[in-house]
C-alpha atoms as a PDB file:
ATOM      1  CA  MET A   1       4.897-176.181  18.107  1.00  0.00           C
ATOM      2  CA  GLU A   2       7.064-179.062  19.428  1.00  0.00           C
ATOM      3  CA  SER A   3      10.637-178.586  20.419  1.00  0.00           C
ATOM      4  CA  ASP A   4      13.392-180.853  19.126  1.00  0.00           C
ATOM      5  CA  PHE A   5      15.721-179.643  21.875  1.00  0.00           C
ATOM      6  CA  ARG A   6      17.609-182.434  23.598  1.00  0.00           C
ATOM      7  CA  PRO A   7      19.568-181.629  26.786  1.00  0.00           C
ATOM      8  CA  HIS A   8      23.278-182.101  26.301  1.00  0.00           C
ATOM      9  CA  ILE A   9      26.653-181.354  27.732  1.00  0.00           C
ATOM     10  CA  SER A  10      28.051-178.417  25.764  1.00  0.00           C
ATOM     11  CA  ARG A  11      31.467-178.056  27.387  1.00  0.00           C
ATOM     12  CA  ILE A  12      33.891-180.163  29.424  1.00  0.00           C
ATOM     13  CA  TYR A  13      36.919-178.727  31.097  1.00  0.00           C
ATOM     14  CA  PRO A  14      39.144-179.304  34.114  1.00  0.00           C
ATOM     15  CA  ASP A  15      38.547-176.979  37.007  1.00  0.00           C
ATOM     16  CA  ALA A  16      38.864-176.841  40.802  1.00  0.00           C
ATOM     17  CA  TRP A  17      35.654-176.750  42.913  1.00  0.00           C
ATOM     18  CA  ASN A  18      35.917-174.513  45.859  1.00  0.00           C
ATOM     19  CA  THR A  19      33.973-175.791  48.835  1.00  0.00           C
ATOM     20  CA  ARG A  20      32.279-173.620  51.430  1.00  0.00           C
ATOM     21  CA  SER A  21      34.999-174.725  53.946  1.00  0.00           C
ATOM     22  CA  GLY A  22      37.650-173.383  51.634  1.00  0.00           C
ATOM     23  CA  ASN A  23      38.956-176.676  50.228  1.00  0.00           C
ATOM     24  CA  HIS A  24      39.741-177.090  46.569  1.00  0.00           C
ATOM     25  CA  VAL A  25      38.663-180.295  44.768  1.00  0.00           C
ATOM     26  CA  ASN A  26      40.363-180.905  41.424  1.00  0.00           C
ATOM     27  CA  GLY A  27      37.995-182.269  38.834  1.00  0.00           C
ATOM     28  CA  VAL A  28      36.144-181.937  35.553  1.00  0.00           C
ATOM     29  CA  VAL A  29      33.192-179.666  35.061  1.00  0.00           C
ATOM     30  CA  LEU A  30      30.359-180.757  32.743  1.00  0.00           C
ATOM     31  CA  PHE A  31      28.572-177.680  31.553  1.00  0.00           C
ATOM     32  CA  GLY A  32      25.162-177.932  30.071  1.00  0.00           C
ATOM     33  CA  TYR A  33      22.426-175.677  28.716  1.00  0.00           C
ATOM     34  CA  SER A  34      21.436-174.444  32.172  1.00  0.00           C
ATOM     35  CA  GLY A  35      24.857-174.072  33.672  1.00  0.00           C
ATOM     36  CA  ILE A  36      27.107-176.455  35.464  1.00  0.00           C
ATOM     37  CA  ALA A  37      25.601-179.924  35.280  1.00  0.00           C
ATOM     38  CA  ALA A  38      28.319-181.733  37.307  1.00  0.00           C
ATOM     39  CA  HIS A  39      31.741-181.474  38.864  1.00  0.00           C
ATOM     40  CA  LEU A  40      33.495-184.861  38.923  1.00  0.00           C
ATOM     41  CA  THR A  41      36.668-185.955  40.447  1.00  0.00           C
ATOM     42  CA  LYS A  42      39.132-187.878  38.277  1.00  0.00           C
ATOM     43  CA  SER A  43      37.840-191.272  39.443  1.00  0.00           C
ATOM     44  CA  GLU A  44      34.151-190.185  39.108  1.00  0.00           C
ATOM     45  CA  ALA A  45      34.913-188.881  35.565  1.00  0.00           C
ATOM     46  CA  PHE A  46      36.520-192.219  34.498  1.00  0.00           C
ATOM     47  CA  ALA A  47      33.628-194.221  36.057  1.00  0.00           C
ATOM     48  CA  LEU A  48      31.071-192.047  34.186  1.00  0.00           C
ATOM     49  CA  ALA A  49      32.913-192.290  30.952  1.00  0.00           C
ATOM     50  CA  ASN A  50      32.961-196.181  31.282  1.00  0.00           C
ATOM     51  CA  ARG A  51      29.276-196.192  32.005  1.00  0.00           C
ATOM     52  CA  ILE A  52      28.577-193.933  28.942  1.00  0.00           C
ATOM     53  CA  VAL A  53      30.568-196.195  26.699  1.00  0.00           C
ATOM     54  CA  ASP A  54      28.825-199.274  28.053  1.00  0.00           C
ATOM     55  CA  ALA A  55      25.330-197.759  27.432  1.00  0.00           C
ATOM     56  CA  ALA A  56      26.336-196.564  23.898  1.00  0.00           C
ATOM     57  CA  GLU A  57      27.594-199.981  22.972  1.00  0.00           C
ATOM     58  CA  GLN A  58      24.074-201.309  23.715  1.00  0.00           C
ATOM     59  CA  LEU A  59      22.407-198.930  21.254  1.00  0.00           C
ATOM     60  CA  PRO A  60      21.553-200.111  17.786  1.00  0.00           C
ATOM     61  CA  ASP A  61      23.688-198.706  14.896  1.00  0.00           C
ATOM     62  CA  PRO A  62      22.039-195.615  13.463  1.00  0.00           C
ATOM     63  CA  PRO A  63      20.755-195.820   9.878  1.00  0.00           C
ATOM     64  CA  ALA A  64      22.743-194.009   7.201  1.00  0.00           C
ATOM     65  CA  PRO A  65      21.934-190.281   7.036  1.00  0.00           C
ATOM     66  CA  ARG A  66      19.143-189.527   4.600  1.00  0.00           C
ATOM     67  CA  HIS A  67      21.159-187.426   2.279  1.00  0.00           C
ATOM     68  CA  LEU A  68      23.417-190.444   1.724  1.00  0.00           C
ATOM     69  CA  GLN A  69      20.648-192.777   1.194  1.00  0.00           C
ATOM     70  CA  SER A  70      18.909-190.540  -1.420  1.00  0.00           C
ATOM     71  CA  HIS A  71      22.057-190.593  -3.557  1.00  0.00           C
ATOM     72  CA  GLY A  72      22.328-194.334  -3.367  1.00  0.00           C
ATOM     73  CA  LEU A  73      25.492-194.209  -1.314  1.00  0.00           C
ATOM     74  CA  HIS A  74      26.077-196.459   1.668  1.00  0.00           C
ATOM     75  CA  ILE A  75      28.463-195.968   4.485  1.00  0.00           C
ATOM     76  CA  GLN A  76      30.281-199.209   3.621  1.00  0.00           C
ATOM     77  CA  GLN A  77      30.970-197.949   0.100  1.00  0.00           C
ATOM     78  CA  MET A  78      32.348-194.695   1.566  1.00  0.00           C
ATOM     79  CA  ILE A  79      34.618-196.518   3.898  1.00  0.00           C
ATOM     80  CA  SER A  80      35.931-198.858   1.243  1.00  0.00           C
ATOM     81  CA  ALA A  81      36.361-196.062  -1.436  1.00  0.00           C
ATOM     82  CA  PRO A  82      39.962-195.624  -2.585  1.00  0.00           C
ATOM     83  CA  ARG A  83      41.787-192.936  -0.654  1.00  0.00           C
ATOM     84  CA  SER A  84      43.368-189.960  -2.363  1.00  0.00           C
ATOM     85  CA  ARG A  85      46.999-190.100  -3.218  1.00  0.00           C
ATOM     86  CA  LEU A  86      49.570-188.198  -1.088  1.00  0.00           C
ATOM     87  CA  VAL A  87      51.813-186.156  -3.282  1.00  0.00           C
ATOM     88  CA  ALA A  88      54.853-184.160  -2.213  1.00  0.00           C
ATOM     89  CA  ALA A  89      55.509-180.657  -3.328  1.00  0.00           C
ATOM     90  CA  ASP A  90      57.934-181.979  -6.060  1.00  0.00           C
ATOM     91  CA  GLY A  91      55.155-184.208  -7.502  1.00  0.00           C
ATOM     92  CA  THR A  92      56.392-187.573  -6.141  1.00  0.00           C
ATOM     93  CA  GLU A  93      53.922-189.886  -4.485  1.00  0.00           C
ATOM     94  CA  GLU A  94      54.318-190.455  -0.824  1.00  0.00           C
ATOM     95  CA  LYS A  95      53.256-193.512   1.173  1.00  0.00           C
ATOM     96  CA  PRO A  96      50.494-193.075   3.644  1.00  0.00           C
ATOM     97  CA  LEU A  97      51.361-193.222   7.393  1.00  0.00           C
ATOM     98  CA  PRO A  98      50.701-196.597   9.093  1.00  0.00           C
ATOM     99  CA  VAL A  99      47.476-196.846  10.948  1.00  0.00           C
ATOM    100  CA  THR A 100      47.557-198.259  14.443  1.00  0.00           C
ATOM    101  CA  GLN A 101      44.830-199.459  16.764  1.00  0.00           C
ATOM    102  CA  ALA A 102      43.775-196.946  19.493  1.00  0.00           C
ATOM    103  CA  ASP A 103      44.469-198.045  23.056  1.00  0.00           C
END
């Protein structure tokens, strides 16, 4: 039987690394299936994040999930579908909050 297991990072959290000489290195721990995969300083974490985004941008867009294709729905239709109305407790309709571009 073939395994579909793909290695991945399961947890990311800030933590200090204690060196053998007693120094503490502040950073971010990447925890994977087999334990700690990496401990990165702040600059290393930002550099890795940039490289991950650059690599992800080169990937082709994934096809729509099968369960959506089988029902004849397309992602674009879902995105352009009308949003539900916001209604206050007294029954009056409220305006949606403005959407801003992420930095």
